[in-house]
Amino acid sequence: TTSTGRRIMSVFLRREYLWNETLGRERALNITYALVLWVRDDALWFGDIWPPSKLLAEPDAETTVWSRDAEVISASTRMVVLGRQAAGPMLSVFSSFMHGGFPDIPSANTEAFMRAAVTTAGLRLNETEIAVLPETTAQLVGDPPELCVLEKYWCPKQQPGKVLANLQFCHVW
């Protein structure tokens, strides 16, 4: 395995741990979540995601993976929403891969692997507009720190200019 492959599997191992913790909480509380939200730590939210009722009203919502349409599930993807039946396979990729139940998928990063995992698991991918999943990549830079939207990962197809009008773009990373 490559160092990239090890990093990708490390990310999925942590996700699977959190998923198993979530399943334990569901059992303890006798509840079942309908949707699961996966967010990277460098995501900048600049609005509310669509109400869950709208997502759940879509056809095949339980087996859907919603991702912002910026080269869908690419390096610019910081957040996805998973329908309940999609969450299991997507958040158990590590075990599936380690036990031979998942093909070896050449990938440059976690997001590319995740996109291939959607297809491999037979799930539905819904490429949403930015209004559905309003996020981008940002970090604090400078002294004093200022919020900087990373231009490298900005999705120019769906710029909510008025929302981000007061933010600066930067070329770091």
N, C-alpha and C. Protein backbone atom coordinates (compact mmCIF):
# COMPACT_ATOMS: atom_id res chain seq x y z
N THR A 1 0.83 -1.19 0.00
CA THR A 1 0.00 0.00 0.00
C THR A 1 0.87 1.25 0.00
N THR A 2 0.37 2.30 -0.59
CA THR A 2 1.08 3.57 -0.65
C THR A 2 0.79 4.40 0.59
N SER A 3 1.57 5.47 0.78
CA SER A 3 1.30 6.35 1.91
C SER A 3 -0.06 7.03 1.73
N THR A 4 -0.43 7.35 0.49
CA THR A 4 -1.76 7.93 0.23
C THR A 4 -2.84 6.93 0.62
N GLY A 5 -2.66 5.68 0.22
CA GLY A 5 -3.64 4.65 0.57
C GLY A 5 -3.78 4.48 2.07
N ARG A 6 -2.65 4.52 2.78
CA ARG A 6 -2.71 4.40 4.25
C ARG A 6 -3.45 5.58 4.87
N ARG A 7 -3.20 6.80 4.34
CA ARG A 7 -3.92 7.98 4.86
C ARG A 7 -5.42 7.86 4.61
N ILE A 8 -5.77 7.41 3.41
CA ILE A 8 -7.19 7.25 3.07
C ILE A 8 -7.85 6.25 4.02
N MET A 9 -7.20 5.11 4.23
CA MET A 9 -7.78 4.09 5.11
C MET A 9 -7.83 4.58 6.56
N SER A 10 -6.87 5.42 6.96
CA SER A 10 -6.88 5.98 8.30
C SER A 10 -8.11 6.86 8.50
N VAL A 11 -8.44 7.66 7.50
CA VAL A 11 -9.64 8.50 7.57
C VAL A 11 -10.88 7.62 7.71
N PHE A 12 -10.96 6.57 6.90
CA PHE A 12 -12.13 5.69 6.96
C PHE A 12 -12.19 4.88 8.25
N LEU A 13 -11.04 4.55 8.82
CA LEU A 13 -11.03 3.87 10.12
C LEU A 13 -11.63 4.77 11.18
N ARG A 14 -11.28 6.04 11.20
CA ARG A 14 -11.85 6.98 12.19
C ARG A 14 -13.35 7.18 11.96
N ARG A 15 -13.75 7.27 10.70
CA ARG A 15 -15.19 7.41 10.41
C ARG A 15 -15.96 6.19 10.90
N GLU A 16 -15.38 5.02 10.65
CA GLU A 16 -16.06 3.79 11.06
C GLU A 16 -16.17 3.71 12.58
N TYR A 17 -15.15 4.13 13.29
CA TYR A 17 -15.22 4.16 14.75
C TYR A 17 -16.38 5.04 15.21
N LEU A 18 -16.48 6.25 14.64
CA LEU A 18 -17.57 7.17 15.01
C LEU A 18 -18.93 6.60 14.63
N TRP A 19 -19.01 5.93 13.48
CA TRP A 19 -20.26 5.30 13.05
C TRP A 19 -20.67 4.23 14.05
N ASN A 20 -19.73 3.40 14.47
CA ASN A 20 -20.05 2.35 15.45
C ASN A 20 -20.49 2.95 16.77
N GLU A 21 -19.88 4.06 17.18
CA GLU A 21 -20.31 4.76 18.39
C GLU A 21 -21.75 5.26 18.23
N THR A 22 -22.05 5.79 17.04
CA THR A 22 -23.40 6.28 16.75
C THR A 22 -24.41 5.13 16.83
N LEU A 23 -24.07 3.99 16.25
CA LEU A 23 -24.98 2.83 16.31
C LEU A 23 -25.23 2.41 17.75
N GLY A 24 -24.19 2.46 18.58
CA GLY A 24 -24.36 2.13 20.00
C GLY A 24 -25.29 3.11 20.71
N ARG A 25 -25.16 4.38 20.39
CA ARG A 25 -26.05 5.39 20.98
C ARG A 25 -27.49 5.20 20.52
N GLU A 26 -27.65 4.86 19.25
CA GLU A 26 -29.00 4.60 18.75
C GLU A 26 -29.65 3.45 19.53
N ARG A 27 -28.89 2.38 19.70
CA ARG A 27 -29.44 1.23 20.45
C ARG A 27 -29.78 1.62 21.88
N ALA A 28 -28.89 2.35 22.52
CA ALA A 28 -29.11 2.76 23.91
C ALA A 28 -30.32 3.67 24.06
N LEU A 29 -30.56 4.52 23.08
CA LEU A 29 -31.67 5.47 23.14
C LEU A 29 -32.92 4.97 22.42
N ASN A 30 -32.81 3.81 21.78
CA ASN A 30 -33.91 3.22 21.02
C ASN A 30 -34.43 4.19 19.94
N ILE A 31 -33.47 4.75 19.17
CA ILE A 31 -33.80 5.65 18.07
C ILE A 31 -33.03 5.22 16.83
N THR A 32 -33.43 5.72 15.69
CA THR A 32 -32.71 5.48 14.43
C THR A 32 -32.65 6.79 13.67
N TYR A 33 -31.45 7.22 13.38
CA TYR A 33 -31.28 8.44 12.58
C TYR A 33 -31.66 8.17 11.13
N ALA A 34 -32.27 9.13 10.49
CA ALA A 34 -32.66 9.00 9.08
C ALA A 34 -31.57 9.48 8.14
N LEU A 35 -30.75 10.42 8.60
CA LEU A 35 -29.67 10.99 7.79
C LEU A 35 -28.40 11.08 8.63
N VAL A 36 -27.28 11.02 7.96
CA VAL A 36 -25.99 11.19 8.62
C VAL A 36 -25.24 12.28 7.88
N LEU A 37 -24.66 13.21 8.62
CA LEU A 37 -23.90 14.30 8.04
C LEU A 37 -22.42 14.05 8.29
N TRP A 38 -21.63 14.07 7.21
CA TRP A 38 -20.18 13.93 7.32
C TRP A 38 -19.57 15.26 6.91
N VAL A 39 -18.75 15.83 7.79
CA VAL A 39 -18.16 17.14 7.56
C VAL A 39 -16.67 17.09 7.87
N ARG A 40 -15.87 17.65 6.99
CA ARG A 40 -14.43 17.78 7.26
C ARG A 40 -14.21 18.95 8.20
N ASP A 41 -13.09 18.93 8.91
CA ASP A 41 -12.83 19.98 9.89
C ASP A 41 -12.44 21.32 9.27
N ASP A 42 -12.16 21.35 7.97
CA ASP A 42 -11.81 22.62 7.33
C ASP A 42 -12.96 23.18 6.50
N ALA A 43 -14.16 22.72 6.77
CA ALA A 43 -15.34 23.21 6.06
C ALA A 43 -15.80 24.54 6.66
N LEU A 44 -16.14 25.46 5.79
CA LEU A 44 -16.73 26.73 6.21
C LEU A 44 -18.19 26.71 5.79
N TRP A 45 -19.06 26.73 6.77
CA TRP A 45 -20.50 26.79 6.51
C TRP A 45 -20.87 28.25 6.32
N PHE A 46 -21.62 28.55 5.28
CA PHE A 46 -22.08 29.92 5.11
C PHE A 46 -23.58 29.98 4.91
N GLY A 47 -24.28 28.98 5.40
CA GLY A 47 -25.73 28.94 5.34
C GLY A 47 -26.22 27.64 5.95
N ASP A 48 -27.52 27.50 6.03
CA ASP A 48 -28.12 26.27 6.55
C ASP A 48 -28.27 25.25 5.43
N ILE A 49 -28.04 23.96 5.77
CA ILE A 49 -28.34 22.93 4.78
C ILE A 49 -29.85 22.85 4.65
N TRP A 50 -30.29 22.24 3.57
CA TRP A 50 -31.73 22.08 3.36
C TRP A 50 -32.33 21.34 4.54
N PRO A 51 -33.60 21.62 4.82
CA PRO A 51 -34.27 20.88 5.90
C PRO A 51 -34.25 19.38 5.59
N PRO A 52 -34.00 18.56 6.60
CA PRO A 52 -34.00 17.11 6.38
C PRO A 52 -35.27 16.60 5.70
N SER A 53 -36.40 17.23 5.99
CA SER A 53 -37.65 16.78 5.38
C SER A 53 -37.59 16.87 3.86
N LYS A 54 -36.93 17.88 3.32
CA LYS A 54 -36.79 18.00 1.86
C LYS A 54 -35.89 16.91 1.30
N LEU A 55 -34.80 16.64 2.00
CA LEU A 55 -33.90 15.57 1.54
C LEU A 55 -34.60 14.21 1.61
N LEU A 56 -35.31 13.98 2.71
CA LEU A 56 -35.97 12.68 2.89
C LEU A 56 -37.15 12.48 1.94
N ALA A 57 -37.68 13.56 1.39
CA ALA A 57 -38.79 13.46 0.44
C ALA A 57 -38.33 13.06 -0.96
N GLU A 58 -37.02 13.10 -1.21
CA GLU A 58 -36.51 12.73 -2.52
C GLU A 58 -36.61 11.23 -2.75
N PRO A 59 -36.74 10.80 -4.01
CA PRO A 59 -36.78 9.36 -4.31
C PRO A 59 -35.49 8.67 -3.84
N ASP A 60 -35.63 7.50 -3.30
CA ASP A 60 -34.48 6.70 -2.84
C ASP A 60 -33.62 7.43 -1.81
N ALA A 61 -34.22 8.25 -0.98
CA ALA A 61 -33.47 9.03 0.00
C ALA A 61 -32.61 8.14 0.90
N GLU A 62 -33.12 6.99 1.28
CA GLU A 62 -32.36 6.13 2.20
C GLU A 62 -31.04 5.64 1.61
N THR A 63 -30.97 5.51 0.30
CA THR A 63 -29.75 5.00 -0.33
C THR A 63 -29.01 6.08 -1.11
N THR A 64 -29.26 7.34 -0.76
CA THR A 64 -28.66 8.46 -1.47
C THR A 64 -27.49 9.06 -0.70
N VAL A 65 -26.48 9.49 -1.45
CA VAL A 65 -25.37 10.27 -0.93
C VAL A 65 -25.48 11.63 -1.61
N TRP A 66 -25.69 12.68 -0.82
CA TRP A 66 -25.78 14.04 -1.34
C TRP A 66 -24.40 14.68 -1.22
N SER A 67 -23.93 15.25 -2.31
CA SER A 67 -22.64 15.94 -2.33
C SER A 67 -22.79 17.19 -3.17
N ARG A 68 -22.09 18.23 -2.78
CA ARG A 68 -22.11 19.46 -3.56
C ARG A 68 -21.50 19.21 -4.93
N ASP A 69 -22.11 19.76 -5.95
CA ASP A 69 -21.64 19.55 -7.32
C ASP A 69 -20.49 20.49 -7.66
N ALA A 70 -19.31 20.12 -7.24
CA ALA A 70 -18.09 20.83 -7.61
C ALA A 70 -17.10 19.72 -7.92
N GLU A 71 -17.20 19.19 -9.12
CA GLU A 71 -16.44 17.99 -9.48
C GLU A 71 -16.80 16.91 -8.47
N VAL A 72 -18.00 16.61 -8.35
CA VAL A 72 -18.66 15.81 -7.33
C VAL A 72 -17.73 14.91 -6.52
N ILE A 73 -17.86 15.01 -5.24
CA ILE A 73 -17.02 14.33 -4.27
C ILE A 73 -15.57 14.39 -4.72
N SER A 74 -15.07 15.57 -4.78
CA SER A 74 -13.69 15.80 -5.18
C SER A 74 -12.92 16.35 -3.99
N ALA A 75 -11.74 16.83 -4.25
CA ALA A 75 -10.96 17.43 -3.17
C ALA A 75 -11.65 18.65 -2.60
N SER A 76 -12.61 19.23 -3.32
CA SER A 76 -13.32 20.39 -2.80
C SER A 76 -14.51 20.00 -1.92
N THR A 77 -14.80 18.74 -1.81
CA THR A 77 -15.93 18.29 -1.01
C THR A 77 -15.56 18.28 0.47
N ARG A 78 -16.30 19.02 1.24
CA ARG A 78 -16.06 19.10 2.67
C ARG A 78 -17.22 18.53 3.47
N MET A 79 -18.32 18.23 2.80
CA MET A 79 -19.50 17.76 3.51
C MET A 79 -20.33 16.89 2.58
N VAL A 80 -20.84 15.78 3.09
CA VAL A 80 -21.83 14.99 2.38
C VAL A 80 -22.91 14.60 3.38
N VAL A 81 -24.11 14.37 2.86
CA VAL A 81 -25.21 13.86 3.67
C VAL A 81 -25.50 12.47 3.16
N LEU A 82 -25.66 11.54 4.07
CA LEU A 82 -25.90 10.14 3.73
C LEU A 82 -27.28 9.71 4.19
N GLY A 83 -28.06 9.10 3.29
CA GLY A 83 -29.30 8.47 3.70
C GLY A 83 -28.97 7.31 4.61
N ARG A 84 -29.94 6.86 5.39
CA ARG A 84 -29.67 5.84 6.41
C ARG A 84 -29.04 4.57 5.84
N GLN A 85 -29.58 4.04 4.76
CA GLN A 85 -29.03 2.81 4.19
C GLN A 85 -27.69 3.06 3.49
N ALA A 86 -27.44 4.28 3.06
CA ALA A 86 -26.16 4.62 2.46
C ALA A 86 -25.08 4.77 3.53
N ALA A 87 -25.47 5.18 4.72
CA ALA A 87 -24.50 5.44 5.79
C ALA A 87 -23.72 4.17 6.16
N GLY A 88 -24.40 3.06 6.28
CA GLY A 88 -23.72 1.82 6.68
C GLY A 88 -22.55 1.47 5.77
N PRO A 89 -22.79 1.29 4.46
CA PRO A 89 -21.67 0.95 3.59
C PRO A 89 -20.61 2.04 3.47
N MET A 90 -21.04 3.30 3.48
CA MET A 90 -20.08 4.39 3.31
C MET A 90 -19.21 4.60 4.55
N LEU A 91 -19.75 4.30 5.71
CA LEU A 91 -19.01 4.51 6.95
C LEU A 91 -18.37 3.23 7.48
N SER A 92 -18.49 2.15 6.73
CA SER A 92 -17.85 0.87 7.09
C SER A 92 -16.88 0.42 6.01
N VAL A 93 -16.41 1.36 5.22
CA VAL A 93 -15.49 1.05 4.12
C VAL A 93 -14.22 0.39 4.63
N PHE A 94 -13.71 0.85 5.77
CA PHE A 94 -12.45 0.29 6.28
C PHE A 94 -12.58 -1.22 6.49
N SER A 95 -13.59 -1.65 7.25
CA SER A 95 -13.76 -3.09 7.50
C SER A 95 -14.01 -3.86 6.22
N SER A 96 -14.84 -3.30 5.35
CA SER A 96 -15.12 -3.97 4.08
C SER A 96 -13.84 -4.17 3.28
N PHE A 97 -13.02 -3.14 3.23
CA PHE A 97 -11.76 -3.21 2.48
C PHE A 97 -10.81 -4.23 3.12
N MET A 98 -10.68 -4.16 4.44
CA MET A 98 -9.74 -5.03 5.15
C MET A 98 -10.14 -6.51 5.08
N HIS A 99 -11.43 -6.79 4.94
CA HIS A 99 -11.90 -8.17 4.89
C HIS A 99 -12.16 -8.64 3.46
N GLY A 100 -11.65 -7.90 2.49
CA GLY A 100 -11.75 -8.35 1.10
C GLY A 100 -13.09 -8.13 0.44
N GLY A 101 -14.00 -7.41 1.09
CA GLY A 101 -15.32 -7.19 0.52
C GLY A 101 -15.41 -5.91 -0.29
N PHE A 102 -14.26 -5.32 -0.56
CA PHE A 102 -14.24 -4.05 -1.27
C PHE A 102 -13.06 -4.06 -2.22
N PRO A 103 -13.25 -3.65 -3.45
CA PRO A 103 -12.14 -3.71 -4.41
C PRO A 103 -11.05 -2.68 -4.10
N ASP A 104 -9.87 -2.95 -4.57
CA ASP A 104 -8.76 -2.02 -4.45
C ASP A 104 -8.99 -0.91 -5.48
N ILE A 105 -9.26 0.29 -4.99
CA ILE A 105 -9.60 1.42 -5.87
C ILE A 105 -8.44 2.41 -5.85
N PRO A 106 -7.74 2.56 -6.98
CA PRO A 106 -6.68 3.57 -7.01
C PRO A 106 -7.29 4.96 -6.84
N SER A 107 -6.79 5.73 -5.87
CA SER A 107 -7.36 7.05 -5.58
C SER A 107 -6.27 8.00 -5.14
N ALA A 108 -6.39 9.24 -5.55
CA ALA A 108 -5.42 10.26 -5.18
C ALA A 108 -5.71 10.84 -3.80
N ASN A 109 -6.96 10.73 -3.34
CA ASN A 109 -7.32 11.30 -2.04
C ASN A 109 -8.57 10.60 -1.51
N THR A 110 -8.93 10.97 -0.30
CA THR A 110 -10.09 10.35 0.37
C THR A 110 -11.37 10.58 -0.42
N GLU A 111 -11.55 11.78 -0.96
CA GLU A 111 -12.78 12.10 -1.66
C GLU A 111 -12.93 11.29 -2.94
N ALA A 112 -11.83 11.08 -3.67
CA ALA A 112 -11.89 10.26 -4.88
C ALA A 112 -12.23 8.82 -4.53
N PHE A 113 -11.68 8.33 -3.44
CA PHE A 113 -12.00 6.99 -2.98
C PHE A 113 -13.48 6.91 -2.59
N MET A 114 -13.96 7.95 -1.92
CA MET A 114 -15.35 7.97 -1.49
C MET A 114 -16.30 7.94 -2.68
N ARG A 115 -15.97 8.67 -3.72
CA ARG A 115 -16.80 8.67 -4.92
C ARG A 115 -16.87 7.26 -5.52
N ALA A 116 -15.73 6.59 -5.59
CA ALA A 116 -15.70 5.22 -6.11
C ALA A 116 -16.48 4.28 -5.19
N ALA A 117 -16.42 4.54 -3.90
CA ALA A 117 -17.15 3.70 -2.93
C ALA A 117 -18.66 3.80 -3.13
N VAL A 118 -19.15 5.00 -3.48
CA VAL A 118 -20.58 5.18 -3.75
C VAL A 118 -21.00 4.25 -4.88
N THR A 119 -20.25 4.26 -5.95
CA THR A 119 -20.55 3.42 -7.12
C THR A 119 -20.45 1.94 -6.76
N THR A 120 -19.37 1.57 -6.09
CA THR A 120 -19.15 0.16 -5.73
C THR A 120 -20.27 -0.37 -4.85
N ALA A 121 -20.77 0.46 -3.94
CA ALA A 121 -21.84 0.03 -3.02
C ALA A 121 -23.22 0.07 -3.67
N GLY A 122 -23.30 0.55 -4.91
CA GLY A 122 -24.59 0.59 -5.60
C GLY A 122 -25.52 1.66 -5.05
N LEU A 123 -24.95 2.74 -4.54
CA LEU A 123 -25.76 3.82 -3.96
C LEU A 123 -26.04 4.89 -5.00
N ARG A 124 -26.99 5.74 -4.69
CA ARG A 124 -27.37 6.83 -5.58
C ARG A 124 -26.61 8.09 -5.17
N LEU A 125 -25.96 8.74 -6.12
CA LEU A 125 -25.26 9.99 -5.86
C LEU A 125 -26.11 11.14 -6.36
N ASN A 126 -26.40 12.08 -5.48
CA ASN A 126 -27.18 13.27 -5.84
C ASN A 126 -26.25 14.46 -5.80
N GLU A 127 -25.98 15.03 -6.96
CA GLU A 127 -25.11 16.18 -7.08
C GLU A 127 -25.94 17.44 -6.83
N THR A 128 -25.80 18.02 -5.66
CA THR A 128 -26.65 19.13 -5.25
C THR A 128 -26.06 20.48 -5.63
N GLU A 129 -26.91 21.47 -5.58
CA GLU A 129 -26.46 22.84 -5.74
C GLU A 129 -25.88 23.31 -4.41
N ILE A 130 -25.14 24.38 -4.47
CA ILE A 130 -24.50 24.89 -3.27
C ILE A 130 -25.53 25.35 -2.22
N ALA A 131 -26.73 25.70 -2.63
CA ALA A 131 -27.77 26.11 -1.68
C ALA A 131 -28.19 24.96 -0.78
N VAL A 132 -28.04 23.73 -1.25
CA VAL A 132 -28.42 22.55 -0.46
C VAL A 132 -27.36 22.26 0.59
N LEU A 133 -26.10 22.32 0.20
CA LEU A 133 -24.97 22.08 1.10
C LEU A 133 -24.02 23.28 1.01
N PRO A 134 -24.35 24.37 1.70
CA PRO A 134 -23.58 25.61 1.56
C PRO A 134 -22.27 25.58 2.35
N GLU A 135 -21.23 25.11 1.71
CA GLU A 135 -19.93 25.04 2.37
C GLU A 135 -18.81 25.24 1.36
N THR A 136 -17.66 25.60 1.87
CA THR A 136 -16.44 25.68 1.07
C THR A 136 -15.28 25.45 2.02
N THR A 137 -14.07 25.54 1.51
CA THR A 137 -12.88 25.31 2.32
C THR A 137 -12.30 26.64 2.75
N ALA A 138 -11.95 26.73 4.02
CA ALA A 138 -11.36 27.96 4.53
C ALA A 138 -10.39 27.63 5.66
N GLN A 139 -9.56 28.59 5.96
CA GLN A 139 -8.66 28.47 7.10
C GLN A 139 -8.35 29.85 7.63
N LEU A 140 -7.82 29.89 8.84
CA LEU A 140 -7.40 31.15 9.43
C LEU A 140 -5.95 31.40 9.03
N VAL A 141 -5.66 32.61 8.53
CA VAL A 141 -4.30 32.96 8.14
C VAL A 141 -3.95 34.33 8.70
N GLY A 142 -2.66 34.58 8.88
CA GLY A 142 -2.18 35.89 9.29
C GLY A 142 -2.19 36.09 10.78
N ASP A 143 -1.73 37.27 11.17
CA ASP A 143 -1.69 37.66 12.57
C ASP A 143 -2.10 39.13 12.66
N PRO A 144 -3.26 39.47 13.13
CA PRO A 144 -4.25 38.56 13.71
C PRO A 144 -4.90 37.70 12.63
N PRO A 145 -5.37 36.52 13.01
CA PRO A 145 -5.92 35.59 12.02
C PRO A 145 -7.20 36.13 11.38
N GLU A 146 -7.27 35.95 10.06
CA GLU A 146 -8.47 36.30 9.30
C GLU A 146 -8.92 35.06 8.53
N LEU A 147 -10.22 34.95 8.37
CA LEU A 147 -10.76 33.82 7.63
C LEU A 147 -10.46 34.00 6.15
N CYS A 148 -9.94 32.97 5.53
CA CYS A 148 -9.53 33.02 4.15
C CYS A 148 -10.11 31.81 3.41
N VAL A 149 -10.90 32.06 2.37
CA VAL A 149 -11.47 30.99 1.55
C VAL A 149 -10.38 30.52 0.59
N LEU A 150 -10.13 29.23 0.58
CA LEU A 150 -9.07 28.69 -0.26
C LEU A 150 -9.52 28.62 -1.71
N GLU A 151 -8.95 29.49 -2.50
CA GLU A 151 -9.33 29.59 -3.91
C GLU A 151 -9.11 28.28 -4.66
N LYS A 152 -8.10 27.53 -4.28
CA LYS A 152 -7.78 26.26 -4.94
C LYS A 152 -8.97 25.30 -4.92
N TYR A 153 -9.75 25.34 -3.85
CA TYR A 153 -10.86 24.41 -3.70
C TYR A 153 -12.23 25.07 -3.89
N TRP A 154 -12.25 26.30 -4.32
CA TRP A 154 -13.50 26.99 -4.54
C TRP A 154 -14.16 26.44 -5.79
N CYS A 155 -15.46 26.27 -5.75
CA CYS A 155 -16.21 25.75 -6.89
C CYS A 155 -16.80 26.94 -7.65
N PRO A 156 -16.16 27.37 -8.72
CA PRO A 156 -16.60 28.59 -9.40
C PRO A 156 -17.96 28.49 -10.07
N LYS A 157 -18.45 27.26 -10.31
CA LYS A 157 -19.74 27.10 -10.96
C LYS A 157 -20.88 27.63 -10.11
N GLN A 158 -20.69 27.66 -8.80
CA GLN A 158 -21.81 27.98 -7.91
C GLN A 158 -21.41 29.01 -6.86
N GLN A 159 -20.89 30.11 -7.27
CA GLN A 159 -20.44 31.11 -6.32
C GLN A 159 -21.61 31.88 -5.72
N PRO A 160 -21.78 31.77 -4.42
CA PRO A 160 -22.79 32.61 -3.76
C PRO A 160 -22.15 33.94 -3.39
N GLY A 161 -21.85 34.77 -4.40
CA GLY A 161 -21.10 36.00 -4.22
C GLY A 161 -21.58 36.88 -3.09
N LYS A 162 -22.88 37.08 -2.99
CA LYS A 162 -23.37 37.98 -1.96
C LYS A 162 -23.13 37.42 -0.56
N VAL A 163 -23.13 36.10 -0.42
CA VAL A 163 -22.91 35.49 0.89
C VAL A 163 -21.46 35.63 1.31
N LEU A 164 -20.54 35.44 0.37
CA LEU A 164 -19.12 35.48 0.70
C LEU A 164 -18.46 36.81 0.32
N ALA A 165 -19.24 37.84 0.10
CA ALA A 165 -18.70 39.11 -0.38
C ALA A 165 -17.66 39.69 0.56
N ASN A 166 -17.77 39.45 1.85
CA ASN A 166 -16.85 40.05 2.80
C ASN A 166 -15.64 39.17 3.13
N LEU A 167 -15.52 38.03 2.49
CA LEU A 167 -14.41 37.15 2.77
C LEU A 167 -13.32 37.32 1.72
N GLN A 168 -12.11 37.04 2.13
CA GLN A 168 -11.00 37.12 1.19
C GLN A 168 -10.65 35.73 0.67
N PHE A 169 -10.14 35.69 -0.54
CA PHE A 169 -9.64 34.45 -1.11
C PHE A 169 -8.13 34.42 -0.92
N CYS A 170 -7.61 33.24 -0.75
CA CYS A 170 -6.16 33.12 -0.60
C CYS A 170 -5.66 31.95 -1.44
N HIS A 171 -4.36 31.91 -1.63
CA HIS A 171 -3.74 30.91 -2.47
C HIS A 171 -2.88 29.95 -1.68
N VAL A 172 -3.02 29.95 -0.36
CA VAL A 172 -2.20 29.10 0.50
C VAL A 172 -2.74 27.68 0.55
N TRP A 173 -1.94 26.78 1.05
CA TRP A 173 -2.24 25.38 1.36
C TRP A 173 -1.24 24.49 0.74
